[in-house]
């Protein structure tokens, strides 16, 4: 079936920002579009969809939304290198959304609190999965805090045999070798949803 020239103009198509979609007498603008001097234009790169029954046009975004670290967001990541005063964390979840490429964050010992404030090795160890809050993103460094009951280690492994540790009586116990370890544990240890 062949479309008339006028109908073919309104079939769904790929558009760039600023492209003319229609005039306001023909269609109303919807999400992903804006009006400029009586012309409906695309606001984003994507696919324009014309609804002939409602006389509206909308543009669905064709690119992914960036997930960037911002102050105040909760993150989940794996602890990498642990030094006396700080630990590096590879972040794979920001604000409840999984990342394709991880960011690197830093936890300073002053952002741990309690009895762990003397040595970072007492609070976290390499390979631990932690939940933290972003407290600073200036100077391209994502600074994290695990202060508070909601933040800290949410999954950990035994440093002797590698088995998953269980949280009992305010300590982490290895069910395989019996080792007892100490960490700054979050209250949702073992039950936190990662994504």
C-alpha atoms as a PDB file:
ATOM      1  CA  UNK A   1       0.000   0.000   0.000  1.00  0.00           C
ATOM      2  CA  UNK A   2       1.369   3.342  -1.002  1.00  0.00           C
ATOM      3  CA  UNK A   3       1.153   6.400   1.304  1.00  0.00           C
ATOM      4  CA  UNK A   4       0.164   9.804   0.055  1.00  0.00           C
ATOM      5  CA  UNK A   5       2.841  12.501   0.201  1.00  0.00           C
ATOM      6  CA  UNK A   6       1.164  14.245   3.147  1.00  0.00           C
ATOM      7  CA  UNK A   7       0.662  10.995   5.143  1.00  0.00           C
ATOM      8  CA  UNK A   8       4.247   9.866   4.466  1.00  0.00           C
ATOM      9  CA  UNK A   9       5.489  13.082   6.060  1.00  0.00           C
ATOM     10  CA  UNK A  10       3.935  12.007   9.385  1.00  0.00           C
ATOM     11  CA  UNK A  11       5.203   8.458   9.625  1.00  0.00           C
ATOM     12  CA  UNK A  12       7.532   7.627  12.531  1.00  0.00           C
ATOM     13  CA  UNK A  13      11.083   8.680  11.750  1.00  0.00           C
ATOM     14  CA  UNK A  14      14.500   9.270  13.293  1.00  0.00           C
ATOM     15  CA  UNK A  15      15.136  12.961  14.123  1.00  0.00           C
ATOM     16  CA  UNK A  16      17.913  15.186  15.422  1.00  0.00           C
ATOM     17  CA  UNK A  17      17.579  17.994  17.995  1.00  0.00           C
ATOM     18  CA  UNK A  18      16.084  21.073  16.331  1.00  0.00           C
ATOM     19  CA  UNK A  19      14.503  19.188  13.401  1.00  0.00           C
ATOM     20  CA  UNK A  20      11.106  20.512  12.252  1.00  0.00           C
ATOM     21  CA  UNK A  21       8.353  18.020  13.082  1.00  0.00           C
ATOM     22  CA  UNK A  22       5.141  19.910  12.309  1.00  0.00           C
ATOM     23  CA  UNK A  23       3.449  23.272  12.650  1.00  0.00           C
ATOM     24  CA  UNK A  24       1.227  23.950  15.678  1.00  0.00           C
ATOM     25  CA  UNK A  25      -1.928  23.975  13.541  1.00  0.00           C
ATOM     26  CA  UNK A  26      -1.256  20.320  12.575  1.00  0.00           C
ATOM     27  CA  UNK A  27       0.137  18.756  15.774  1.00  0.00           C
ATOM     28  CA  UNK A  28       0.696  19.646  19.431  1.00  0.00           C
ATOM     29  CA  UNK A  29       4.127  19.036  20.908  1.00  0.00           C
ATOM     30  CA  UNK A  30       4.608  16.232  23.424  1.00  0.00           C
ATOM     31  CA  UNK A  31       7.519  14.839  25.453  1.00  0.00           C
ATOM     32  CA  UNK A  32      10.863  15.285  23.694  1.00  0.00           C
ATOM     33  CA  UNK A  33       9.683  18.244  21.626  1.00  0.00           C
ATOM     34  CA  UNK A  34       9.309  22.017  21.989  1.00  0.00           C
ATOM     35  CA  UNK A  35       7.561  24.869  20.170  1.00  0.00           C
ATOM     36  CA  UNK A  36       9.520  27.603  18.423  1.00  0.00           C
ATOM     37  CA  UNK A  37       7.653  30.369  16.577  1.00  0.00           C
ATOM     38  CA  UNK A  38       4.724  28.143  15.662  1.00  0.00           C
ATOM     39  CA  UNK A  39       6.866  25.139  14.702  1.00  0.00           C
ATOM     40  CA  UNK A  40       7.092  21.925  16.745  1.00  0.00           C
ATOM     41  CA  UNK A  41      10.757  20.845  16.884  1.00  0.00           C
ATOM     42  CA  UNK A  42      12.638  17.868  18.289  1.00  0.00           C
ATOM     43  CA  UNK A  43      14.381  18.528  21.610  1.00  0.00           C
ATOM     44  CA  UNK A  44      16.365  15.264  21.631  1.00  0.00           C
ATOM     45  CA  UNK A  45      18.001  12.738  19.327  1.00  0.00           C
ATOM     46  CA  UNK A  46      15.512   9.916  18.822  1.00  0.00           C
ATOM     47  CA  UNK A  47      12.417   8.593  17.076  1.00  0.00           C
ATOM     48  CA  UNK A  48       9.491  10.945  16.372  1.00  0.00           C
ATOM     49  CA  UNK A  49       6.075   9.311  16.773  1.00  0.00           C
ATOM     50  CA  UNK A  50       3.018  10.986  15.279  1.00  0.00           C
ATOM     51  CA  UNK A  51      -0.358  10.191  16.872  1.00  0.00           C
ATOM     52  CA  UNK A  52      -2.870  11.111  14.178  1.00  0.00           C
ATOM     53  CA  UNK A  53      -5.895  10.522  16.420  1.00  0.00           C
ATOM     54  CA  UNK A  54      -4.670  12.876  19.190  1.00  0.00           C
ATOM     55  CA  UNK A  55      -2.881  15.189  16.756  1.00  0.00           C
ATOM     56  CA  UNK A  56       0.267  15.058  18.913  1.00  0.00           C
ATOM     57  CA  UNK A  57       3.907  14.291  18.259  1.00  0.00           C
ATOM     58  CA  UNK A  58       6.464  13.035  20.756  1.00  0.00           C
ATOM     59  CA  UNK A  59      10.115  12.110  20.451  1.00  0.00           C
ATOM     60  CA  UNK A  60      11.439   9.097  22.371  1.00  0.00           C
ATOM     61  CA  UNK A  61      15.068   9.554  23.309  1.00  0.00           C
ATOM     62  CA  UNK A  62      17.442   7.413  21.277  1.00  0.00           C
ATOM     63  CA  UNK A  63      20.427   7.716  23.608  1.00  0.00           C
ATOM     64  CA  UNK A  64      20.972   6.388  27.115  1.00  0.00           C
ATOM     65  CA  UNK A  65      20.769   8.733  30.059  1.00  0.00           C
ATOM     66  CA  UNK A  66      24.114   9.255  31.769  1.00  0.00           C
ATOM     67  CA  UNK A  67      24.467   7.945  35.293  1.00  0.00           C
ATOM     68  CA  UNK A  68      26.804  10.328  37.084  1.00  0.00           C
ATOM     69  CA  UNK A  69      27.882  10.382  40.723  1.00  0.00           C
ATOM     70  CA  UNK A  70      26.208  13.251  42.619  1.00  0.00           C
ATOM     71  CA  UNK A  71      26.430  14.224  46.256  1.00  0.00           C
ATOM     72  CA  UNK A  72      23.783  12.560  48.407  1.00  0.00           C
ATOM     73  CA  UNK A  73      23.281   9.454  46.247  1.00  0.00           C
ATOM     74  CA  UNK A  74      23.672   5.957  47.693  1.00  0.00           C
ATOM     75  CA  UNK A  75      26.180   3.696  45.932  1.00  0.00           C
ATOM     76  CA  UNK A  76      27.246   0.052  46.029  1.00  0.00           C
ATOM     77  CA  UNK A  77      30.738  -1.062  45.145  1.00  0.00           C
ATOM     78  CA  UNK A  78      33.579  -3.481  45.714  1.00  0.00           C
ATOM     79  CA  UNK A  79      36.474  -2.501  47.944  1.00  0.00           C
ATOM     80  CA  UNK A  80      39.810  -2.666  46.160  1.00  0.00           C
ATOM     81  CA  UNK A  81      43.026  -1.441  47.754  1.00  0.00           C
ATOM     82  CA  UNK A  82      42.842  -0.774  51.502  1.00  0.00           C
ATOM     83  CA  UNK A  83      45.457   1.454  53.100  1.00  0.00           C
ATOM     84  CA  UNK A  84      45.777   2.624  56.700  1.00  0.00           C
ATOM     85  CA  UNK A  85      43.861   5.888  56.135  1.00  0.00           C
ATOM     86  CA  UNK A  86      41.717   5.166  53.062  1.00  0.00           C
ATOM     87  CA  UNK A  87      40.170   2.538  50.777  1.00  0.00           C
ATOM     88  CA  UNK A  88      39.407   2.581  47.052  1.00  0.00           C
ATOM     89  CA  UNK A  89      35.979   1.349  45.965  1.00  0.00           C
ATOM     90  CA  UNK A  90      34.915   0.351  42.424  1.00  0.00           C
ATOM     91  CA  UNK A  91      31.305   1.591  42.206  1.00  0.00           C
ATOM     92  CA  UNK A  92      28.905  -0.525  40.123  1.00  0.00           C
ATOM     93  CA  UNK A  93      25.549   0.883  41.351  1.00  0.00           C
ATOM     94  CA  UNK A  94      24.737   4.598  41.696  1.00  0.00           C
ATOM     95  CA  UNK A  95      21.345   5.708  42.961  1.00  0.00           C
ATOM     96  CA  UNK A  96      19.918   2.217  42.450  1.00  0.00           C
ATOM     97  CA  UNK A  97      20.994   2.030  38.796  1.00  0.00           C
ATOM     98  CA  UNK A  98      23.655  -0.370  37.522  1.00  0.00           C
ATOM     99  CA  UNK A  99      26.656   1.067  35.680  1.00  0.00           C
ATOM    100  CA  UNK A 100      28.158  -0.346  32.489  1.00  0.00           C
ATOM    101  CA  UNK A 101      31.586   1.027  33.440  1.00  0.00           C
ATOM    102  CA  UNK A 102      32.429   1.455  37.133  1.00  0.00           C
ATOM    103  CA  UNK A 103      33.553   4.680  38.770  1.00  0.00           C
ATOM    104  CA  UNK A 104      36.211   4.709  41.466  1.00  0.00           C
ATOM    105  CA  UNK A 105      35.366   6.169  44.856  1.00  0.00           C
ATOM    106  CA  UNK A 106      37.422   6.744  47.977  1.00  0.00           C
ATOM    107  CA  UNK A 107      36.497   6.199  51.624  1.00  0.00           C
ATOM    108  CA  UNK A 108      38.678   8.159  54.056  1.00  0.00           C
ATOM    109  CA  UNK A 109      39.044   6.801  57.572  1.00  0.00           C
ATOM    110  CA  UNK A 110      37.372   9.965  58.934  1.00  0.00           C
ATOM    111  CA  UNK A 111      34.206   8.987  57.007  1.00  0.00           C
ATOM    112  CA  UNK A 112      33.824   5.661  58.798  1.00  0.00           C
ATOM    113  CA  UNK A 113      33.192   6.770  62.373  1.00  0.00           C
ATOM    114  CA  UNK A 114      33.071   4.905  65.664  1.00  0.00           C
ATOM    115  CA  UNK A 115      35.876   2.668  66.837  1.00  0.00           C
ATOM    116  CA  UNK A 116      37.049   2.140  63.246  1.00  0.00           C
ATOM    117  CA  UNK A 117      38.424   5.702  62.982  1.00  0.00           C
ATOM    118  CA  UNK A 118      41.989   4.602  63.698  1.00  0.00           C
ATOM    119  CA  UNK A 119      42.638   2.099  60.927  1.00  0.00           C
ATOM    120  CA  UNK A 120      40.712   1.532  57.694  1.00  0.00           C
ATOM    121  CA  UNK A 121      41.744  -2.153  57.683  1.00  0.00           C
ATOM    122  CA  UNK A 122      39.450  -2.721  60.681  1.00  0.00           C
ATOM    123  CA  UNK A 123      36.388  -1.329  58.843  1.00  0.00           C
ATOM    124  CA  UNK A 124      36.689  -2.892  55.361  1.00  0.00           C
ATOM    125  CA  UNK A 125      38.873  -5.363  53.477  1.00  0.00           C
ATOM    126  CA  UNK A 126      39.597  -5.939  49.812  1.00  0.00           C
ATOM    127  CA  UNK A 127      36.757  -7.788  48.072  1.00  0.00           C
ATOM    128  CA  UNK A 128      34.049  -6.559  50.481  1.00  0.00           C
ATOM    129  CA  UNK A 129      30.847  -5.206  48.918  1.00  0.00           C
ATOM    130  CA  UNK A 130      29.895  -1.923  50.602  1.00  0.00           C
ATOM    131  CA  UNK A 131      26.953   0.442  50.571  1.00  0.00           C
ATOM    132  CA  UNK A 132      28.016   4.073  50.945  1.00  0.00           C
ATOM    133  CA  UNK A 133      26.806   7.627  50.411  1.00  0.00           C
ATOM    134  CA  UNK A 134      28.535  10.113  48.101  1.00  0.00           C
ATOM    135  CA  UNK A 135      29.608  13.112  50.181  1.00  0.00           C
ATOM    136  CA  UNK A 136      31.783  15.014  47.695  1.00  0.00           C
ATOM    137  CA  UNK A 137      32.514  14.976  43.948  1.00  0.00           C
ATOM    138  CA  UNK A 138      34.764  18.014  43.647  1.00  0.00           C
ATOM    139  CA  UNK A 139      38.153  17.742  41.935  1.00  0.00           C
ATOM    140  CA  UNK A 140      36.953  14.618  40.061  1.00  0.00           C
ATOM    141  CA  UNK A 141      37.299  12.489  43.200  1.00  0.00           C
ATOM    142  CA  UNK A 142      34.171  10.648  44.370  1.00  0.00           C
ATOM    143  CA  UNK A 143      34.432  10.746  48.164  1.00  0.00           C
ATOM    144  CA  UNK A 144      32.270   8.263  50.072  1.00  0.00           C
ATOM    145  CA  UNK A 145      31.045   7.873  53.628  1.00  0.00           C
ATOM    146  CA  UNK A 146      29.963   4.702  55.435  1.00  0.00           C
ATOM    147  CA  UNK A 147      28.905   6.480  58.640  1.00  0.00           C
ATOM    148  CA  UNK A 148      25.528   5.433  59.980  1.00  0.00           C
ATOM    149  CA  UNK A 149      23.702   2.149  60.472  1.00  0.00           C
ATOM    150  CA  UNK A 150      22.496   1.941  56.849  1.00  0.00           C
ATOM    151  CA  UNK A 151      26.025   2.080  55.406  1.00  0.00           C
ATOM    152  CA  UNK A 152      28.994  -0.246  55.532  1.00  0.00           C
ATOM    153  CA  UNK A 153      29.815  -3.784  54.413  1.00  0.00           C
ATOM    154  CA  UNK A 154      26.792  -5.610  52.963  1.00  0.00           C
ATOM    155  CA  UNK A 155      28.603  -8.757  51.764  1.00  0.00           C
ATOM    156  CA  UNK A 156      31.991 -10.146  52.744  1.00  0.00           C
ATOM    157  CA  UNK A 157      34.272 -13.152  52.401  1.00  0.00           C
ATOM    158  CA  UNK A 158      36.495 -14.940  54.907  1.00  0.00           C
ATOM    159  CA  UNK A 159      40.097 -13.746  54.682  1.00  0.00           C
ATOM    160  CA  UNK A 160      41.349 -17.276  55.467  1.00  0.00           C
ATOM    161  CA  UNK A 161      39.256 -19.669  53.321  1.00  0.00           C
ATOM    162  CA  UNK A 162      37.202 -17.357  51.049  1.00  0.00           C
ATOM    163  CA  UNK A 163      33.729 -18.525  52.161  1.00  0.00           C
ATOM    164  CA  UNK A 164      30.874 -16.013  52.450  1.00  0.00           C
ATOM    165  CA  UNK A 165      30.697 -14.631  55.991  1.00  0.00           C
ATOM    166  CA  UNK A 166      27.515 -14.723  58.086  1.00  0.00           C
ATOM    167  CA  UNK A 167      26.531 -11.888  60.435  1.00  0.00           C
ATOM    168  CA  UNK A 168      25.878 -13.098  64.004  1.00  0.00           C
ATOM    169  CA  UNK A 169      26.157 -11.346  67.351  1.00  0.00           C
ATOM    170  CA  UNK A 170      27.715  -8.147  65.909  1.00  0.00           C
ATOM    171  CA  UNK A 171      30.561 -10.099  64.271  1.00  0.00           C
ATOM    172  CA  UNK A 172      31.100 -11.898  60.959  1.00  0.00           C
ATOM    173  CA  UNK A 173      31.501 -15.677  61.261  1.00  0.00           C
ATOM    174  CA  UNK A 174      32.841 -18.075  58.650  1.00  0.00           C
ATOM    175  CA  UNK A 175      30.633 -21.179  58.402  1.00  0.00           C
ATOM    176  CA  UNK A 176      33.460 -23.211  56.809  1.00  0.00           C
ATOM    177  CA  UNK A 177      36.565 -22.582  58.948  1.00  0.00           C
ATOM    178  CA  UNK A 178      35.037 -20.921  62.037  1.00  0.00           C
ATOM    179  CA  UNK A 179      37.048 -17.695  61.766  1.00  0.00           C
ATOM    180  CA  UNK A 180      35.485 -14.586  63.338  1.00  0.00           C
ATOM    181  CA  UNK A 181      36.154 -11.238  61.649  1.00  0.00           C
ATOM    182  CA  UNK A 182      35.292  -7.634  62.336  1.00  0.00           C
ATOM    183  CA  UNK A 183      33.988  -5.053  59.817  1.00  0.00           C
ATOM    184  CA  UNK A 184      31.881  -1.878  59.781  1.00  0.00           C
ATOM    185  CA  UNK A 185      28.693  -3.788  58.887  1.00  0.00           C
ATOM    186  CA  UNK A 186      25.505  -2.207  57.502  1.00  0.00           C
ATOM    187  CA  UNK A 187      22.225  -3.232  59.140  1.00  0.00           C
ATOM    188  CA  UNK A 188      21.085  -4.811  55.839  1.00  0.00           C
ATOM    189  CA  UNK A 189      24.122  -7.147  55.696  1.00  0.00           C
ATOM    190  CA  UNK A 190      23.357 -10.165  53.508  1.00  0.00           C
ATOM    191  CA  UNK A 191      19.886  -8.940  52.502  1.00  0.00           C
ATOM    192  CA  UNK A 192      20.642  -5.741  50.559  1.00  0.00           C
ATOM    193  CA  UNK A 193      19.341  -5.668  46.982  1.00  0.00           C
ATOM    194  CA  UNK A 194      22.217  -4.664  44.695  1.00  0.00           C
ATOM    195  CA  UNK A 195      20.103  -3.335  41.787  1.00  0.00           C
END
